Protein backbone atom coordinates (compact mmCIF):
# COMPACT_ATOMS: atom_id res chain seq x y z
CA MET A 1 -7.55 -9.46 -2.30
CA GLU A 2 -7.59 -7.60 -5.60
CA GLU A 3 -4.96 -4.86 -5.82
CA LYS A 4 -6.78 -1.54 -6.16
CA PRO A 5 -5.53 0.94 -8.80
CA LEU A 6 -3.35 3.60 -7.19
CA ILE A 7 -5.03 6.37 -9.19
CA SER A 8 -8.40 5.29 -7.77
CA ASN A 9 -6.95 5.32 -4.25
CA LEU A 10 -5.48 8.74 -4.88
CA ILE A 11 -8.79 10.19 -6.09
CA MET A 12 -10.76 8.75 -3.17
CA ASN A 13 -8.13 9.86 -0.66
CA PHE A 14 -8.09 13.31 -2.27
CA ILE A 15 -11.86 13.53 -1.83
CA ARG A 16 -11.59 12.36 1.78
CA THR A 17 -8.76 14.83 2.45
CA LEU A 18 -10.61 17.66 0.74
CA LEU A 19 -13.66 16.97 2.91
CA ASN A 20 -11.55 16.82 6.06
CA LEU A 21 -9.99 20.15 5.16
CA LEU A 22 -13.05 21.98 3.88
CA PHE A 23 -15.08 20.89 6.91
CA PRO A 24 -12.96 22.72 9.53
CA VAL A 25 -12.39 25.66 7.17
CA ILE A 26 -16.14 26.10 6.58
CA THR A 27 -17.04 25.54 10.22
CA PHE A 28 -14.18 27.75 11.41
CA SER A 29 -15.25 30.52 9.04
CA TYR A 30 -18.78 30.46 10.45
CA ALA A 31 -17.85 29.83 14.08
CA SER A 32 -15.15 32.54 14.18
CA ARG A 33 -17.74 35.13 13.17
CA VAL A 34 -20.34 33.90 15.68
CA LEU A 35 -18.10 33.04 18.64
CA GLY A 36 -15.51 35.79 18.12
CA ASP A 37 -11.77 35.46 18.58
CA LYS A 38 -12.06 34.59 22.30
CA GLY A 39 -14.69 31.86 21.88
CA ILE A 40 -12.88 30.25 18.95
CA GLY A 41 -9.62 30.63 20.86
CA ILE A 42 -11.01 28.66 23.84
CA VAL A 43 -12.11 25.76 21.63
CA ASN A 44 -8.80 25.67 19.76
CA TYR A 45 -6.83 25.91 22.99
CA THR A 46 -8.62 22.90 24.52
CA ASP A 47 -8.44 21.10 21.18
CA SER A 48 -4.65 21.46 21.17
CA ILE A 49 -4.59 19.66 24.55
CA VAL A 50 -6.99 16.92 23.45
CA ARG A 51 -4.85 16.29 20.36
CA TYR A 52 -2.08 15.01 22.61
CA LEU A 53 -4.54 12.72 24.39
CA ILE A 54 -5.73 11.39 21.03
CA LEU A 55 -2.15 10.59 20.10
CA ILE A 56 -1.55 8.83 23.41
CA GLY A 57 -4.82 6.95 22.98
CA GLY A 58 -3.73 5.26 19.80
CA SER A 59 -3.33 7.67 16.90
CA GLY A 60 0.36 7.69 17.72
CA ILE A 61 0.63 4.06 16.60
CA SER A 62 -1.74 4.32 13.62
CA TYR A 63 1.07 4.31 11.06
CA TYR A 64 2.65 1.27 12.71
CA ALA A 65 -0.70 -0.54 12.80
CA MET A 66 -1.40 0.37 9.18
CA ARG A 67 1.99 -0.94 8.11
CA GLU A 68 1.71 -4.21 10.02
CA ALA A 69 -1.83 -4.90 8.79
CA ALA A 70 -0.96 -4.03 5.19
CA ARG A 71 2.02 -6.40 5.12
CA VAL A 72 -0.22 -9.43 5.88
CA ARG A 73 -3.51 -8.35 4.32
CA GLU A 74 -3.44 -11.28 1.87
CA LYS A 75 -3.11 -13.78 4.77
CA ARG A 76 -6.62 -13.73 6.25
CA GLU A 77 -6.01 -15.63 9.50
CA LEU A 78 -2.81 -13.76 10.28
CA LEU A 79 -4.54 -10.46 9.47
CA ALA A 80 -7.39 -11.20 11.92
CA GLN A 81 -4.88 -12.08 14.64
CA ARG A 82 -2.78 -8.99 13.97
CA VAL A 83 -5.80 -6.66 14.01
CA GLY A 84 -7.04 -8.14 17.31
CA GLU A 85 -3.66 -7.62 18.98
CA LEU A 86 -3.38 -4.04 17.74
CA PHE A 87 -6.95 -3.33 18.83
CA CYS A 88 -6.08 -4.37 22.39
CA LEU A 89 -2.98 -2.17 22.35
CA ASN A 90 -5.17 0.71 21.18
CA LEU A 91 -7.61 0.20 24.08
CA ALA A 92 -4.80 0.04 26.64
CA LEU A 93 -3.31 3.30 25.39
CA SER A 94 -6.75 4.95 25.49
CA GLY A 95 -7.05 4.07 29.16
CA ILE A 96 -3.69 5.73 29.83
CA ALA A 97 -4.85 8.85 27.96
CA TYR A 98 -7.93 9.19 30.15
CA LEU A 99 -5.88 8.75 33.33
CA ILE A 100 -3.69 11.63 32.16
CA LEU A 101 -6.74 13.78 31.41
CA PHE A 102 -8.31 13.21 34.82
CA GLY A 103 -4.94 13.86 36.44
CA LEU A 104 -4.66 17.20 34.65
CA LEU A 105 -8.17 18.22 35.71
CA ILE A 106 -7.58 17.23 39.33
CA ALA A 107 -4.34 19.21 39.31
CA GLY A 108 -6.27 22.22 38.02
CA ALA A 109 -4.84 22.35 34.49
CA GLY A 110 -7.53 23.50 32.07
CA LYS A 111 -10.10 23.44 34.88
CA GLU A 112 -11.69 26.66 33.65
CA TYR A 113 -12.59 24.91 30.38
CA ALA A 114 -13.17 21.40 31.83
CA ALA A 115 -16.56 20.97 30.15
CA VAL A 116 -15.08 21.60 26.68
CA LEU A 117 -12.16 19.26 27.40
CA LEU A 118 -14.46 16.43 28.49
CA VAL A 119 -16.69 16.82 25.44
CA GLN A 120 -13.76 16.73 23.04
CA SER A 121 -12.07 13.83 24.87
CA GLY A 122 -14.81 11.43 23.71
CA ILE A 123 -12.86 11.16 20.47
CA VAL A 124 -10.06 9.31 22.29
CA PHE A 125 -12.21 6.27 23.13
CA PHE A 126 -14.04 6.11 19.81
CA ASN A 127 -10.81 6.40 17.83
CA ALA A 128 -9.71 3.16 19.50
CA LEU A 129 -13.01 1.48 18.58
CA GLY A 130 -13.02 2.84 15.04
CA MET A 131 -9.54 1.59 14.01
CA GLU A 132 -9.18 3.94 11.05
CA TRP A 133 -5.78 2.38 10.35
CA PHE A 134 -7.45 -0.93 9.46
CA TYR A 135 -9.40 0.59 6.56
CA ASN A 136 -6.33 2.43 5.30
CA ALA A 137 -4.32 -0.81 5.39
CA LEU A 138 -6.96 -2.50 3.22
CA GLU A 139 -7.06 0.62 1.00
CA GLU A 140 -10.81 1.08 1.55
CA TYR A 141 -10.65 4.72 0.52
CA ARG A 142 -14.05 4.74 -1.17
CA TYR A 143 -15.85 3.69 2.00
CA ILE A 144 -13.86 6.22 4.08
CA ALA A 145 -14.70 9.07 1.67
CA ILE A 146 -18.46 8.34 1.64
CA ARG A 147 -18.63 7.93 5.41
CA THR A 148 -16.71 11.16 5.95
CA ALA A 149 -19.01 13.12 3.64
CA VAL A 150 -22.20 11.97 5.39
CA PHE A 151 -21.14 12.87 8.92
CA GLN A 152 -19.55 16.16 8.00
CA ILE A 153 -22.62 17.34 6.10
CA VAL A 154 -24.80 16.50 9.12
CA ALA A 155 -22.39 18.36 11.42
CA CYS A 156 -22.43 21.46 9.19
CA VAL A 157 -26.24 21.55 9.21
CA LEU A 158 -26.33 21.25 13.01
CA LEU A 159 -23.69 23.95 13.37
CA PHE A 160 -25.53 26.49 11.22
CA PHE A 161 -28.83 25.86 12.99
CA LEU A 162 -27.70 25.55 16.60
CA VAL A 163 -24.60 27.72 17.10
CA ARG A 164 -25.93 31.28 17.01
CA GLU A 165 -24.39 33.25 19.91
CA GLU A 166 -20.94 33.89 21.45
CA GLN A 167 -21.60 31.65 24.46
CA ASP A 168 -22.33 28.63 22.23
CA TYR A 169 -18.68 27.55 22.09
CA LEU A 170 -19.42 24.38 24.12
CA LEU A 171 -22.11 23.39 21.62
CA TYR A 172 -19.66 24.07 18.79
CA ALA A 173 -17.13 21.71 20.41
CA LEU A 174 -19.83 19.05 20.87
CA ILE A 175 -20.87 19.17 17.20
CA MET A 176 -17.31 19.04 15.90
CA SER A 177 -16.39 16.14 18.19
CA GLY A 178 -19.67 14.37 17.45
CA ALA A 179 -18.84 14.16 13.75
CA VAL A 180 -15.61 12.28 14.49
CA ILE A 181 -17.25 10.05 17.11
CA GLY A 182 -20.03 9.12 14.67
CA MET A 183 -17.56 8.14 11.96
CA GLN A 184 -15.61 5.91 14.32
CA ALA A 185 -18.78 4.26 15.66
CA VAL A 186 -19.73 3.28 12.10
CA ASN A 187 -16.20 1.92 11.61
CA PHE A 188 -16.61 -0.41 14.58
CA VAL A 189 -19.83 -1.84 13.16
CA TYR A 190 -18.40 -2.15 9.66
CA VAL A 191 -15.24 -4.01 10.75
CA ARG A 192 -17.35 -6.93 11.99
CA LYS A 193 -19.07 -7.13 8.61
CA ALA A 194 -15.60 -7.42 7.09
CA GLY A 195 -15.22 -10.71 8.98
CA ILE A 196 -12.65 -9.55 11.55
CA PRO A 197 -13.54 -10.87 15.04
CA LEU A 198 -12.60 -8.49 17.85
CA SER A 199 -12.04 -9.96 21.30
CA ILE A 200 -9.95 -9.22 24.37
CA LYS A 201 -8.89 -12.89 24.37
CA GLY A 202 -5.28 -13.41 23.43
CA CYS A 203 -4.43 -9.74 23.91
CA HIS A 204 -1.15 -10.45 25.68
CA PRO A 205 0.90 -10.28 22.42
CA PHE A 206 0.20 -6.53 22.26
CA ARG A 207 3.34 -6.08 24.41
CA GLU A 208 5.39 -7.39 21.49
CA HIS A 209 3.76 -4.88 19.19
CA TRP A 210 4.56 -2.09 21.61
CA GLN A 211 8.27 -2.85 21.20
CA GLY A 212 7.95 -2.03 17.51
CA ALA A 213 5.28 0.63 17.82
CA LYS A 214 6.86 2.75 20.54
CA TYR A 215 9.23 4.59 18.21
CA VAL A 216 6.40 5.33 15.78
CA PHE A 217 4.31 6.47 18.73
CA TRP A 218 6.96 8.85 20.05
CA ALA A 219 7.72 10.14 16.55
CA ASN A 220 4.04 10.93 15.98
CA LEU A 221 3.79 12.57 19.39
CA ALA A 222 6.87 14.68 18.70
CA ILE A 223 5.41 15.84 15.37
CA SER A 224 2.17 16.75 17.11
CA VAL A 225 4.16 18.84 19.57
CA TYR A 226 5.48 21.20 16.95
CA VAL A 227 2.18 21.16 15.02
CA HIS A 228 0.01 22.09 18.02
CA ILE A 229 2.36 23.43 20.70
CA ASP A 230 2.38 26.85 19.05
CA LYS A 231 -1.31 27.37 19.85
CA THR A 232 -0.94 25.96 23.35
CA MET A 233 2.01 28.22 24.13
CA LEU A 234 0.35 31.25 22.51
CA GLY A 235 -2.57 30.74 24.87
CA ASN A 236 -0.24 30.66 27.88
CA LEU A 237 2.28 33.32 26.84
CA CYS A 238 0.00 35.73 24.96
CA SER A 239 -3.80 35.61 24.88
CA MET A 240 -6.78 33.65 23.60
CA GLU A 241 -7.25 36.38 21.00
CA ALA A 242 -3.76 35.63 19.63
CA VAL A 243 -4.66 31.93 19.47
CA GLY A 244 -7.83 32.76 17.55
CA LEU A 245 -6.00 34.93 14.99
CA TYR A 246 -3.15 32.45 14.59
CA SER A 247 -5.61 29.57 14.18
CA ALA A 248 -6.99 31.21 11.03
CA ALA A 249 -3.56 31.19 9.36
CA HIS A 250 -2.81 27.72 10.70
CA TYR A 251 -6.04 26.27 9.29
CA ILE A 252 -5.27 27.57 5.81
CA ILE A 253 -1.72 26.19 5.80
CA GLN A 254 -2.87 22.84 7.16
CA ALA A 255 -5.55 22.69 4.48
CA VAL A 256 -3.06 23.27 1.65
CA ALA A 257 -0.48 20.90 3.16
CA GLY A 258 -3.16 18.24 3.66
CA LEU A 259 -4.14 18.36 0.00
CA LEU A 260 -0.50 18.02 -1.00
CA THR A 261 0.24 15.08 1.31
CA CYS A 262 -2.91 13.16 0.41
CA MET A 263 -1.22 11.88 -2.74
CA THR A 264 1.66 10.44 -0.72
CA ASN A 265 -0.41 9.09 2.17
CA VAL A 266 -1.81 6.32 -0.02
CA LEU A 267 1.74 5.02 -0.47
CA LEU A 268 2.33 3.66 3.04
CA PRO A 269 -0.04 0.67 2.82
CA ARG A 270 0.95 -0.05 -0.79
CA VAL A 271 4.71 0.21 -0.16
CA SER A 272 4.35 -1.87 3.04
CA PHE A 273 2.40 -4.48 1.07
CA TYR A 274 5.06 -4.64 -1.65
CA LEU A 275 7.82 -5.04 0.96
CA GLY A 276 5.84 -7.70 2.80
CA GLU A 277 5.47 -9.62 -0.47
CA GLY A 278 9.20 -9.26 -1.30
CA ARG A 279 8.61 -6.81 -4.20
CA GLY A 280 11.16 -4.21 -3.10
CA GLU A 281 12.02 -2.93 -6.59
CA LYS A 282 8.39 -1.99 -7.24
CA ALA A 283 8.27 -0.11 -3.93
CA GLU A 284 11.47 1.79 -4.76
CA ALA A 285 10.28 2.85 -8.21
CA LEU A 286 6.99 4.10 -6.78
CA LEU A 287 8.70 6.18 -4.09
CA GLN A 288 11.23 7.74 -6.46
CA LYS A 289 8.57 8.82 -8.92
CA THR A 290 6.40 10.31 -6.18
CA GLY A 291 9.32 12.21 -4.64
CA SER A 292 10.07 13.87 -7.96
CA ILE A 293 6.45 14.94 -8.43
CA ILE A 294 6.33 16.53 -4.97
CA ILE A 295 9.03 19.02 -5.98
CA PHE A 296 6.83 20.44 -8.75
CA VAL A 297 3.75 20.63 -6.54
CA VAL A 298 4.87 21.93 -3.16
CA ILE A 299 6.86 24.96 -4.37
CA PRO A 300 4.07 26.60 -6.42
CA SER A 301 1.57 25.71 -3.69
CA ALA A 302 3.57 27.56 -1.04
CA VAL A 303 4.13 30.56 -3.31
CA GLY A 304 0.49 30.64 -4.37
CA THR A 305 -0.76 30.42 -0.78
CA VAL A 306 1.19 33.57 0.10
CA CYS A 307 -0.13 35.38 -2.99
CA VAL A 308 -3.77 34.71 -2.06
CA GLY A 309 -3.27 34.65 1.72
CA LYS A 310 -4.90 37.97 2.57
CA SER A 311 -7.92 37.21 0.40
CA LEU A 312 -8.34 33.80 2.05
CA LEU A 313 -8.15 35.23 5.57
CA LEU A 314 -10.65 37.96 4.69
CA LEU A 315 -13.13 35.63 3.00
CA LEU A 316 -12.90 32.78 5.50
CA SER A 317 -12.68 34.60 8.82
CA GLY A 318 -13.36 38.29 8.37
CA GLU A 319 -11.37 41.53 8.33
CA THR A 320 -10.06 41.13 11.88
CA PHE A 321 -8.16 37.97 10.95
CA VAL A 322 -6.17 39.63 8.13
CA GLN A 323 -3.74 40.55 10.92
CA ALA A 324 -2.60 36.91 10.77
CA PHE A 325 -1.17 37.26 7.23
CA PRO A 326 2.51 37.64 8.30
CA ALA A 327 2.20 34.42 10.31
CA LEU A 328 0.56 32.71 7.31
CA ALA A 329 3.45 33.74 5.04
CA VAL A 330 6.04 32.31 7.45
CA LEU A 331 4.04 29.10 7.89
CA ALA A 332 3.92 28.75 4.09
CA VAL A 333 7.73 28.64 4.07
CA GLY A 334 7.58 25.90 6.69
CA MET A 335 5.11 24.02 4.50
CA LEU A 336 7.80 23.63 1.83
CA PHE A 337 9.66 21.40 4.28
CA SER A 338 6.71 19.79 6.07
CA VAL A 339 5.31 18.14 2.91
CA PHE A 340 8.66 16.50 2.21
CA ASN A 341 9.00 15.57 5.89
CA ASN A 342 5.68 13.76 5.69
CA TYR A 343 6.95 11.86 2.65
CA TYR A 344 10.36 10.97 4.13
CA ILE A 345 9.09 9.93 7.57
CA TRP A 346 5.81 8.14 6.85
CA GLN A 347 6.17 6.89 3.29
CA VAL A 348 9.87 5.96 3.27
CA MET A 349 11.26 5.38 6.76
CA ILE A 350 8.23 3.73 8.39
CA PRO A 351 7.53 1.17 5.60
CA TYR A 352 11.24 0.28 5.63
CA ARG A 353 11.06 -0.14 9.44
CA ARG A 354 13.43 2.72 10.21
CA GLU A 355 11.22 4.11 12.96
CA LYS A 356 14.16 4.79 15.29
CA GLU A 357 15.58 7.37 12.91
CA ALA A 358 12.11 8.83 12.46
CA PHE A 359 11.76 9.23 16.21
CA TYR A 360 15.20 10.78 16.72
CA GLY A 361 14.58 13.33 13.98
CA THR A 362 11.08 14.32 15.06
CA PHE A 363 12.07 14.49 18.73
CA GLY A 364 14.97 16.81 17.94
CA SER A 365 12.70 19.01 15.84
CA ALA A 366 10.13 19.18 18.66
CA VAL A 367 12.85 20.32 21.06
CA VAL A 368 13.90 23.03 18.59
CA ASN A 369 10.29 24.13 18.25
CA ILE A 370 9.62 24.35 22.00
CA VAL A 371 12.84 26.26 22.71
CA LEU A 372 12.24 28.73 19.89
CA ASN A 373 8.61 29.20 20.95
CA PHE A 374 9.76 30.18 24.44
CA LEU A 375 12.26 32.63 22.94
CA TRP A 376 10.22 34.09 20.10
CA ILE A 377 6.56 34.15 21.23
CA PRO A 378 7.13 36.75 23.99
CA VAL A 379 8.87 38.95 21.41
CA GLY A 380 6.93 38.31 18.21
CA GLY A 381 3.63 36.78 19.34
CA MET A 382 2.00 34.70 16.64
CA LEU A 383 4.76 35.62 14.16
CA GLY A 384 7.30 34.14 16.57
CA ALA A 385 5.22 30.96 16.86
CA ALA A 386 5.08 30.64 13.07
CA ALA A 387 8.84 31.16 12.74
CA ALA A 388 9.51 28.49 15.37
CA THR A 389 7.35 25.97 13.49
CA ALA A 390 9.06 26.75 10.17
CA ALA A 391 12.51 26.39 11.73
CA ALA A 392 11.60 23.01 13.24
CA GLU A 393 10.34 21.74 9.87
CA ALA A 394 13.52 22.91 8.14
CA ALA A 395 15.70 21.14 10.72
CA LEU A 396 13.82 17.86 10.30
CA PHE A 397 13.99 18.13 6.49
CA LEU A 398 17.78 18.51 6.51
CA LEU A 399 18.18 15.57 8.88
CA CYS A 400 15.93 13.30 6.79
CA ARG A 401 17.90 14.17 3.66
CA VAL A 402 21.14 13.18 5.37
CA TRP A 403 19.71 9.87 6.58
CA ILE A 404 18.17 8.94 3.25
CA ARG A 405 21.40 9.59 1.38
CA ARG A 406 23.61 7.85 3.95
CA ASP A 407 21.43 4.80 4.51
CA ARG A 408 24.03 2.16 5.39
CA GLU A 409 22.08 -0.82 4.18
CA GLY A 410 21.01 0.91 0.99
CA ARG A 411 17.40 -0.18 1.52
CA MET A 412 15.60 3.15 1.64
CA ARG A 413 15.08 4.48 -1.89
CA GLY A 414 13.21 7.66 -1.06
CA GLU A 415 15.54 9.98 -2.96
CA PRO A 416 13.58 11.80 -5.70
CA CYS A 417 14.70 11.53 -9.31
CA GLY A 418 16.19 8.06 -8.92
CA ASP A 419 19.71 7.83 -10.29
CA GLY A 420 19.74 11.52 -11.21
CA GLY A 421 21.08 12.38 -7.78
CA GLY A 422 21.42 15.80 -6.19
CA LYS A 423 22.22 17.69 -9.41
CA LYS A 424 18.97 16.60 -11.00
CA ILE A 425 17.00 17.51 -7.87
CA PHE A 426 18.65 20.94 -7.79
CA GLY A 427 17.72 21.50 -11.42
CA TYR A 428 14.11 20.53 -10.74
CA VAL A 429 13.95 22.95 -7.80
CA LEU A 430 15.31 25.80 -9.92
CA GLN A 431 12.73 25.09 -12.62
CA ALA A 432 9.89 25.05 -10.07
CA LEU A 433 11.10 28.32 -8.49
CA ALA A 434 11.44 30.04 -11.86
CA ALA A 435 8.01 28.87 -13.03
CA SER A 436 6.47 29.97 -9.72
CA GLY A 437 8.06 33.40 -9.98
CA ILE A 438 6.87 33.99 -13.55
CA GLY A 439 3.61 32.07 -13.55
CA ILE A 440 2.34 32.87 -10.04
CA ILE A 441 4.05 35.87 -8.41
CA LEU A 442 4.15 38.05 -11.53
CA SER A 443 0.61 37.19 -12.58
CA SER A 444 -0.71 37.82 -9.04
CA PHE A 445 1.03 41.20 -8.96
CA LEU A 446 -0.70 42.21 -12.20
CA ILE A 447 -4.10 40.83 -11.16
CA ASP A 448 -4.02 42.87 -7.93
CA ARG A 449 -3.89 46.00 -10.11
CA ILE A 450 -6.66 44.93 -12.46
CA VAL A 451 -9.26 43.00 -10.46
CA GLU A 452 -11.06 44.53 -7.49
CA GLY A 453 -12.57 42.53 -4.63
CA PRO A 454 -11.03 39.62 -2.71
CA LEU A 455 -13.17 36.85 -4.23
CA GLY A 456 -12.68 37.90 -7.85
CA GLY A 457 -8.95 38.38 -7.34
CA LEU A 458 -8.62 35.04 -5.60
CA LEU A 459 -10.38 33.11 -8.34
CA MET A 460 -8.46 34.91 -11.09
CA LYS A 461 -5.09 34.27 -9.42
CA VAL A 462 -5.79 30.57 -8.96
CA LEU A 463 -7.01 30.11 -12.53
CA VAL A 464 -4.16 32.03 -14.18
CA SER A 465 -1.53 30.35 -11.99
CA LEU A 466 -2.84 26.87 -12.81
CA LEU A 467 -2.55 27.67 -16.52
CA LEU A 468 0.75 29.57 -16.55
CA TYR A 469 2.83 27.41 -14.19
CA PRO A 470 2.93 24.26 -16.38
CA VAL A 471 3.34 26.39 -19.52
CA VAL A 472 6.43 28.07 -18.08
CA LEU A 473 7.80 24.67 -17.04
CA TRP A 474 7.30 23.47 -20.62
CA PHE A 475 9.36 26.34 -22.02
CA LEU A 476 12.03 25.71 -19.36
CA GLY A 477 12.41 22.20 -20.78
CA ASN A 478 10.96 20.24 -17.88
CA GLU A 479 10.95 16.61 -19.00
CA THR A 480 8.03 15.55 -16.77
CA ILE A 481 5.69 18.20 -18.18
CA ARG A 482 6.81 17.54 -21.75
CA LEU A 483 6.30 13.80 -21.35
CA ALA A 484 2.79 14.39 -19.93
CA GLY A 485 2.01 16.77 -22.80
CA LYS A 486 3.21 14.24 -25.35
CA LYS A 487 0.92 11.58 -23.87
CA VAL A 488 -2.05 13.94 -24.05
CA LEU A 489 -1.30 14.81 -27.69
CA ASP A 490 -0.91 11.14 -28.61
CA ALA A 491 -4.21 10.33 -26.94
CA MET A 492 -5.92 13.12 -28.89
CA LYS A 493 -4.55 11.76 -32.18
CA ASP A 494 -5.86 8.30 -31.44
C-alpha cells in the first residue's frame, strides 16, 4: 500500500474534523432557539447517557483496533484476519451495551425520556457495523471527509425543514442520530468493496484481543466520564436549563479542541505503522516535532477563545446563553491541558503499547472529576462543573508528563523539543504566552472599544490575532517561526 503524504492526511482530517464540529454547532445554534433551553437540555442529557453506551459498544476499543490494524496493513491476509476478529469483539460489546440500556430502562432510569434514549441508541449497533477505526488505520481520510459532508448536509436540510416547534426535540434527536447511522451503514458496504470478508466464523480469537484492548477500553471510558459526566450531573444536581446553558459553552470548547487535536489524530496509525515495520526512529522524530508545534497552537487558541467567547455564545445560541461565559472561560483553561493529554495518551502511549499507564492516569482523573463535581456543582452550578473538568485535565497532564520523562525502557519519545529538554519547553511556553498577551489579548481589548456588534468584533479579533501572533513570535526570536519564514522567502525568490 502506498504511503499517503502526512500533509494530505492532515488536510483531509482537518476537513472531516471541521465538518464534525461545525455540524453540531450549526444544528445546536438552530435547535437551541427552536427547542429552548429545556428541550435542548433533554436531548443533551440523554445524549450524555448514550455516549457511555457507545463507548461500551466498541468506541472504547477503537484506538486499539486502529493501532492493531495499522501495524499489519501491508500484510493483506493478516489484516483481513485481524479486522474480522476485531469486528466480532465490536459486536459482542454492542450486545452488552444494549443489555445495560434495557436494564436501565427497566429499573426506571431515564424512563421519562425513554423514546429519545432508544432513538439515539441506534448509533451503538451501527458503529459496530461501520468500523470507523478500519478506515483510519488505512488512512482513508479523503473517503471519510466526503462521506461525512454528504450526510451532514442532508441532516442540516432535514433539521431546518422539520424541526419547527419546542416539542420537536424527539425529531431533532432522530435527525442527529440518523446522520451518524447513515455514515456507518455506508462504511459497512464500502468495507466489502475493499476486499475484507466479514464473517462470524473464527471469532473466538477476539478474547485474545480483549486482553490487550481492555486497558484502552477503560481508559477511553474514563475520559468520557470527565468529558460528559458534567452534563449528566448538572441534570441531576441542578436543572435541565443549566445543562442547556452549559452545553453551549461545552460545544464551543469541544469545537476548538477538536480542531487542535485533528493534526495529532492522524499520527496514531502512522506511528503504529512505523513501529510495526521496525522504523522507531522515524516515529520518534515525528512525535517530537508535533509536540513542539502543539505548544505554539494550543496557548493562543485558549486565549483567543476566551477573548471571543461572549460573541460566540451570543451569535451561536442567543442572548440567554451568554450566561455561560464564565464556564466557557474555565473550560478554555482546561483545554490547554486536554489537547496535550490527547497527544500523550493516544499518539504516544497507545502506539507504544503503554495502555496500562494510560488507563491508570485517565481513571484517576475521572475519579477527581466526579468527586469535584459532587462538591462544586451544588455550590457553583455550571461554573463548578467547568472547574471540575479543568482540574481533572490538569491532573492527567501532570501525570502524563511524569510518565513520559521517567519511561524506564526509554521507548516513548513523546517529549516535545527533542533533546532540548524542559528548559527549551519552558522557553517555548513563555514565548507563546507573551505573543498571546500582546497579539491577542491587547488587540482584542482595543477592538472592543473600536468595533461595535458581536459579528464584526469577532471577525476583526480573529483576523488581527492571526496576523499579530506569529509576528510577535518572530520578534521574540522563535526559531520555528523564523525557519518557516525563511522557507517562504526562499520559495518566493525561486
